[in-house]
Amino acid sequence: MDRSEINRALAKAMAYKQCGKDAEANEWARTLVELLECSDILATVEA
């Protein structure tokens, strides 16, 4: 797990969201989710 990449993606998503750049925020949020999924932190939950 690359913690620095996860921290970077989180910081970028938050920063872009706070300054109203939703498209960029969403892009970084997707990157964050991908990084977390690759690290097996997020698990698929079946209903």
PDB file of N, CA and C in Angstrom:
ATOM      1  N   MET A   1       0.854  -1.177   0.000  1.00  0.00           N
ATOM      2  CA  MET A   1       0.000   0.000   0.000  1.00  0.00           C
ATOM      3  C   MET A   1       0.897   1.237   0.000  1.00  0.00           C
ATOM      4  N   ASP A   2       0.617   2.144  -0.904  1.00  0.00           N
ATOM      5  CA  ASP A   2       1.383   3.383  -0.997  1.00  0.00           C
ATOM      6  C   ASP A   2       0.610   4.484  -0.271  1.00  0.00           C
ATOM      7  N   ARG A   3       0.951   4.662   0.997  1.00  0.00           N
ATOM      8  CA  ARG A   3       0.226   5.627   1.834  1.00  0.00           C
ATOM      9  C   ARG A   3       0.360   7.046   1.317  1.00  0.00           C
ATOM     10  N   SER A   4       1.505   7.378   0.732  1.00  0.00           N
ATOM     11  CA  SER A   4       1.678   8.743   0.235  1.00  0.00           C
ATOM     12  C   SER A   4       0.740   9.027  -0.936  1.00  0.00           C
ATOM     13  N   GLU A   5       0.515   8.037  -1.798  1.00  0.00           N
ATOM     14  CA  GLU A   5      -0.423   8.226  -2.915  1.00  0.00           C
ATOM     15  C   GLU A   5      -1.853   8.335  -2.410  1.00  0.00           C
ATOM     16  N   ILE A   6      -2.203   7.555  -1.403  1.00  0.00           N
ATOM     17  CA  ILE A   6      -3.542   7.627  -0.819  1.00  0.00           C
ATOM     18  C   ILE A   6      -3.758   8.992  -0.170  1.00  0.00           C
ATOM     19  N   ASN A   7      -2.784   9.446   0.587  1.00  0.00           N
ATOM     20  CA  ASN A   7      -2.886  10.769   1.223  1.00  0.00           C
ATOM     21  C   ASN A   7      -2.973  11.873   0.189  1.00  0.00           C
ATOM     22  N   ARG A   8      -2.202  11.757  -0.873  1.00  0.00           N
ATOM     23  CA  ARG A   8      -2.216  12.762  -1.940  1.00  0.00           C
ATOM     24  C   ARG A   8      -3.590  12.825  -2.607  1.00  0.00           C
ATOM     25  N   ALA A   9      -4.151  11.661  -2.929  1.00  0.00           N
ATOM     26  CA  ALA A   9      -5.462  11.625  -3.582  1.00  0.00           C
ATOM     27  C   ALA A   9      -6.541  12.209  -2.682  1.00  0.00           C
ATOM     28  N   LEU A  10      -6.497  11.886  -1.394  1.00  0.00           N
ATOM     29  CA  LEU A  10      -7.464  12.434  -0.447  1.00  0.00           C
ATOM     30  C   LEU A  10      -7.331  13.951  -0.340  1.00  0.00           C
ATOM     31  N   ALA A  11      -6.113  14.430  -0.208  1.00  0.00           N
ATOM     32  CA  ALA A  11      -5.891  15.875  -0.087  1.00  0.00           C
ATOM     33  C   ALA A  11      -6.343  16.610  -1.342  1.00  0.00           C
ATOM     34  N   LYS A  12      -6.033  16.063  -2.506  1.00  0.00           N
ATOM     35  CA  LYS A  12      -6.436  16.709  -3.765  1.00  0.00           C
ATOM     36  C   LYS A  12      -7.961  16.732  -3.895  1.00  0.00           C
ATOM     37  N   ALA A  13      -8.624  15.619  -3.582  1.00  0.00           N
ATOM     38  CA  ALA A  13     -10.083  15.564  -3.681  1.00  0.00           C
ATOM     39  C   ALA A  13     -10.723  16.611  -2.770  1.00  0.00           C
ATOM     40  N   MET A  14     -10.220  16.701  -1.553  1.00  0.00           N
ATOM     41  CA  MET A  14     -10.774  17.675  -0.607  1.00  0.00           C
ATOM     42  C   MET A  14     -10.494  19.107  -1.049  1.00  0.00           C
ATOM     43  N   ALA A  15      -9.294  19.380  -1.497  1.00  0.00           N
ATOM     44  CA  ALA A  15      -8.923  20.735  -1.901  1.00  0.00           C
ATOM     45  C   ALA A  15      -9.746  21.204  -3.098  1.00  0.00           C
ATOM     46  N   TYR A  16      -9.872  20.344  -4.101  1.00  0.00           N
ATOM     47  CA  TYR A  16     -10.657  20.726  -5.274  1.00  0.00           C
ATOM     48  C   TYR A  16     -12.127  20.924  -4.915  1.00  0.00           C
ATOM     49  N   LYS A  17     -12.658  20.082  -4.036  1.00  0.00           N
ATOM     50  CA  LYS A  17     -14.059  20.218  -3.625  1.00  0.00           C
ATOM     51  C   LYS A  17     -14.284  21.536  -2.898  1.00  0.00           C
ATOM     52  N   GLN A  18     -13.345  21.896  -2.027  1.00  0.00           N
ATOM     53  CA  GLN A  18     -13.487  23.127  -1.245  1.00  0.00           C
ATOM     54  C   GLN A  18     -13.442  24.376  -2.112  1.00  0.00           C
ATOM     55  N   CYS A  19     -12.753  24.309  -3.251  1.00  0.00           N
ATOM     56  CA  CYS A  19     -12.698  25.504  -4.104  1.00  0.00           C
ATOM     57  C   CYS A  19     -13.672  25.412  -5.279  1.00  0.00           C
ATOM     58  N   GLY A  20     -14.621  24.476  -5.181  1.00  0.00           N
ATOM     59  CA  GLY A  20     -15.705  24.420  -6.153  1.00  0.00           C
ATOM     60  C   GLY A  20     -15.380  23.761  -7.477  1.00  0.00           C
ATOM     61  N   LYS A  21     -14.285  23.029  -7.547  1.00  0.00           N
ATOM     62  CA  LYS A  21     -13.908  22.336  -8.786  1.00  0.00           C
ATOM     63  C   LYS A  21     -14.346  20.876  -8.675  1.00  0.00           C
ATOM     64  N   ASP A  22     -15.650  20.684  -8.862  1.00  0.00           N
ATOM     65  CA  ASP A  22     -16.241  19.369  -8.632  1.00  0.00           C
ATOM     66  C   ASP A  22     -15.718  18.289  -9.572  1.00  0.00           C
ATOM     67  N   ALA A  23     -15.495  18.606 -10.831  1.00  0.00           N
ATOM     68  CA  ALA A  23     -15.008  17.596 -11.779  1.00  0.00           C
ATOM     69  C   ALA A  23     -13.644  17.062 -11.344  1.00  0.00           C
ATOM     70  N   GLU A  24     -12.764  17.967 -10.960  1.00  0.00           N
ATOM     71  CA  GLU A  24     -11.437  17.548 -10.509  1.00  0.00           C
ATOM     72  C   GLU A  24     -11.524  16.787  -9.198  1.00  0.00           C
ATOM     73  N   ALA A  25     -12.403  17.237  -8.303  1.00  0.00           N
ATOM     74  CA  ALA A  25     -12.594  16.551  -7.023  1.00  0.00           C
ATOM     75  C   ALA A  25     -13.077  15.122  -7.246  1.00  0.00           C
ATOM     76  N   ASN A  26     -14.016  14.958  -8.156  1.00  0.00           N
ATOM     77  CA  ASN A  26     -14.541  13.623  -8.449  1.00  0.00           C
ATOM     78  C   ASN A  26     -13.469  12.724  -9.057  1.00  0.00           C
ATOM     79  N   GLU A  27     -12.635  13.287  -9.889  1.00  0.00           N
ATOM     80  CA  GLU A  27     -11.542  12.532 -10.499  1.00  0.00           C
ATOM     81  C   GLU A  27     -10.584  12.002  -9.425  1.00  0.00           C
ATOM     82  N   TRP A  28     -10.215  12.874  -8.489  1.00  0.00           N
ATOM     83  CA  TRP A  28      -9.313  12.463  -7.409  1.00  0.00           C
ATOM     84  C   TRP A  28     -10.005  11.504  -6.449  1.00  0.00           C
ATOM     85  N   ALA A  29     -11.305  11.666  -6.239  1.00  0.00           N
ATOM     86  CA  ALA A  29     -12.053  10.741  -5.387  1.00  0.00           C
ATOM     87  C   ALA A  29     -12.067   9.346  -6.009  1.00  0.00           C
ATOM     88  N   ARG A  30     -12.234   9.275  -7.321  1.00  0.00           N
ATOM     89  CA  ARG A  30     -12.183   7.979  -8.007  1.00  0.00           C
ATOM     90  C   ARG A  30     -10.810   7.337  -7.847  1.00  0.00           C
ATOM     91  N   THR A  31      -9.767   8.150  -7.979  1.00  0.00           N
ATOM     92  CA  THR A  31      -8.404   7.644  -7.792  1.00  0.00           C
ATOM     93  C   THR A  31      -8.231   7.112  -6.374  1.00  0.00           C
ATOM     94  N   LEU A  32      -8.750   7.841  -5.400  1.00  0.00           N
ATOM     95  CA  LEU A  32      -8.659   7.416  -4.006  1.00  0.00           C
ATOM     96  C   LEU A  32      -9.350   6.064  -3.807  1.00  0.00           C
ATOM     97  N   VAL A  33     -10.538   5.919  -4.334  1.00  0.00           N
ATOM     98  CA  VAL A  33     -11.273   4.665  -4.198  1.00  0.00           C
ATOM     99  C   VAL A  33     -10.496   3.520  -4.849  1.00  0.00           C
ATOM    100  N   GLU A  34      -9.947   3.759  -6.029  1.00  0.00           N
ATOM    101  CA  GLU A  34      -9.156   2.724  -6.705  1.00  0.00           C
ATOM    102  C   GLU A  34      -7.955   2.310  -5.862  1.00  0.00           C
ATOM    103  N   LEU A  35      -7.272   3.275  -5.286  1.00  0.00           N
ATOM    104  CA  LEU A  35      -6.115   2.966  -4.446  1.00  0.00           C
ATOM    105  C   LEU A  35      -6.521   2.163  -3.217  1.00  0.00           C
ATOM    106  N   LEU A  36      -7.637   2.525  -2.612  1.00  0.00           N
ATOM    107  CA  LEU A  36      -8.107   1.804  -1.434  1.00  0.00           C
ATOM    108  C   LEU A  36      -8.567   0.395  -1.788  1.00  0.00           C
ATOM    109  N   GLU A  37      -9.207   0.241  -2.940  1.00  0.00           N
ATOM    110  CA  GLU A  37      -9.620  -1.090  -3.374  1.00  0.00           C
ATOM    111  C   GLU A  37      -8.405  -1.967  -3.641  1.00  0.00           C
ATOM    112  N   CYS A  38      -7.384  -1.429  -4.255  1.00  0.00           N
ATOM    113  CA  CYS A  38      -6.159  -2.174  -4.540  1.00  0.00           C
ATOM    114  C   CYS A  38      -5.447  -2.586  -3.259  1.00  0.00           C
ATOM    115  N   SER A  39      -5.655  -1.821  -2.199  1.00  0.00           N
ATOM    116  CA  SER A  39      -5.022  -2.123  -0.913  1.00  0.00           C
ATOM    117  C   SER A  39      -5.889  -3.046  -0.066  1.00  0.00           C
ATOM    118  N   ASP A  40      -6.990  -3.515  -0.626  1.00  0.00           N
ATOM    119  CA  ASP A  40      -7.938  -4.388   0.080  1.00  0.00           C
ATOM    120  C   ASP A  40      -8.505  -3.736   1.328  1.00  0.00           C
ATOM    121  N   ILE A  41      -8.590  -2.414   1.327  1.00  0.00           N
ATOM    122  CA  ILE A  41      -9.203  -1.718   2.459  1.00  0.00           C
ATOM    123  C   ILE A  41     -10.723  -1.668   2.263  1.00  0.00           C
ATOM    124  N   LEU A  42     -11.122  -1.448   1.033  1.00  0.00           N
ATOM    125  CA  LEU A  42     -12.559  -1.447   0.727  1.00  0.00           C
ATOM    126  C   LEU A  42     -12.946  -2.840   0.255  1.00  0.00           C
ATOM    127  N   ALA A  43     -13.980  -3.362   0.812  1.00  0.00           N
ATOM    128  CA  ALA A  43     -14.452  -4.685   0.421  1.00  0.00           C
ATOM    129  C   ALA A  43     -15.832  -4.551  -0.222  1.00  0.00           C
ATOM    130  N   THR A  44     -16.109  -5.408  -1.150  1.00  0.00           N
ATOM    131  CA  THR A  44     -17.414  -5.418  -1.776  1.00  0.00           C
ATOM    132  C   THR A  44     -18.410  -6.059  -0.815  1.00  0.00           C
ATOM    133  N   VAL A  45     -19.474  -5.342  -0.551  1.00  0.00           N
ATOM    134  CA  VAL A  45     -20.500  -5.839   0.366  1.00  0.00           C
ATOM    135  C   VAL A  45     -21.673  -6.293  -0.456  1.00  0.00           C
ATOM    136  N   GLU A  46     -22.078  -7.537  -0.237  1.00  0.00           N
ATOM    137  CA  GLU A  46     -23.232  -8.061  -0.943  1.00  0.00           C
ATOM    138  C   GLU A  46     -24.477  -7.880  -0.099  1.00  0.00           C
ATOM    139  N   ALA A  47     -25.539  -7.447  -0.753  1.00  0.00           N
ATOM    140  CA  ALA A  47     -26.805  -7.222  -0.041  1.00  0.00           C
ATOM    141  C   ALA A  47     -27.578  -8.496   0.109  1.00  0.00           C
TER     142      ALA A  47
END
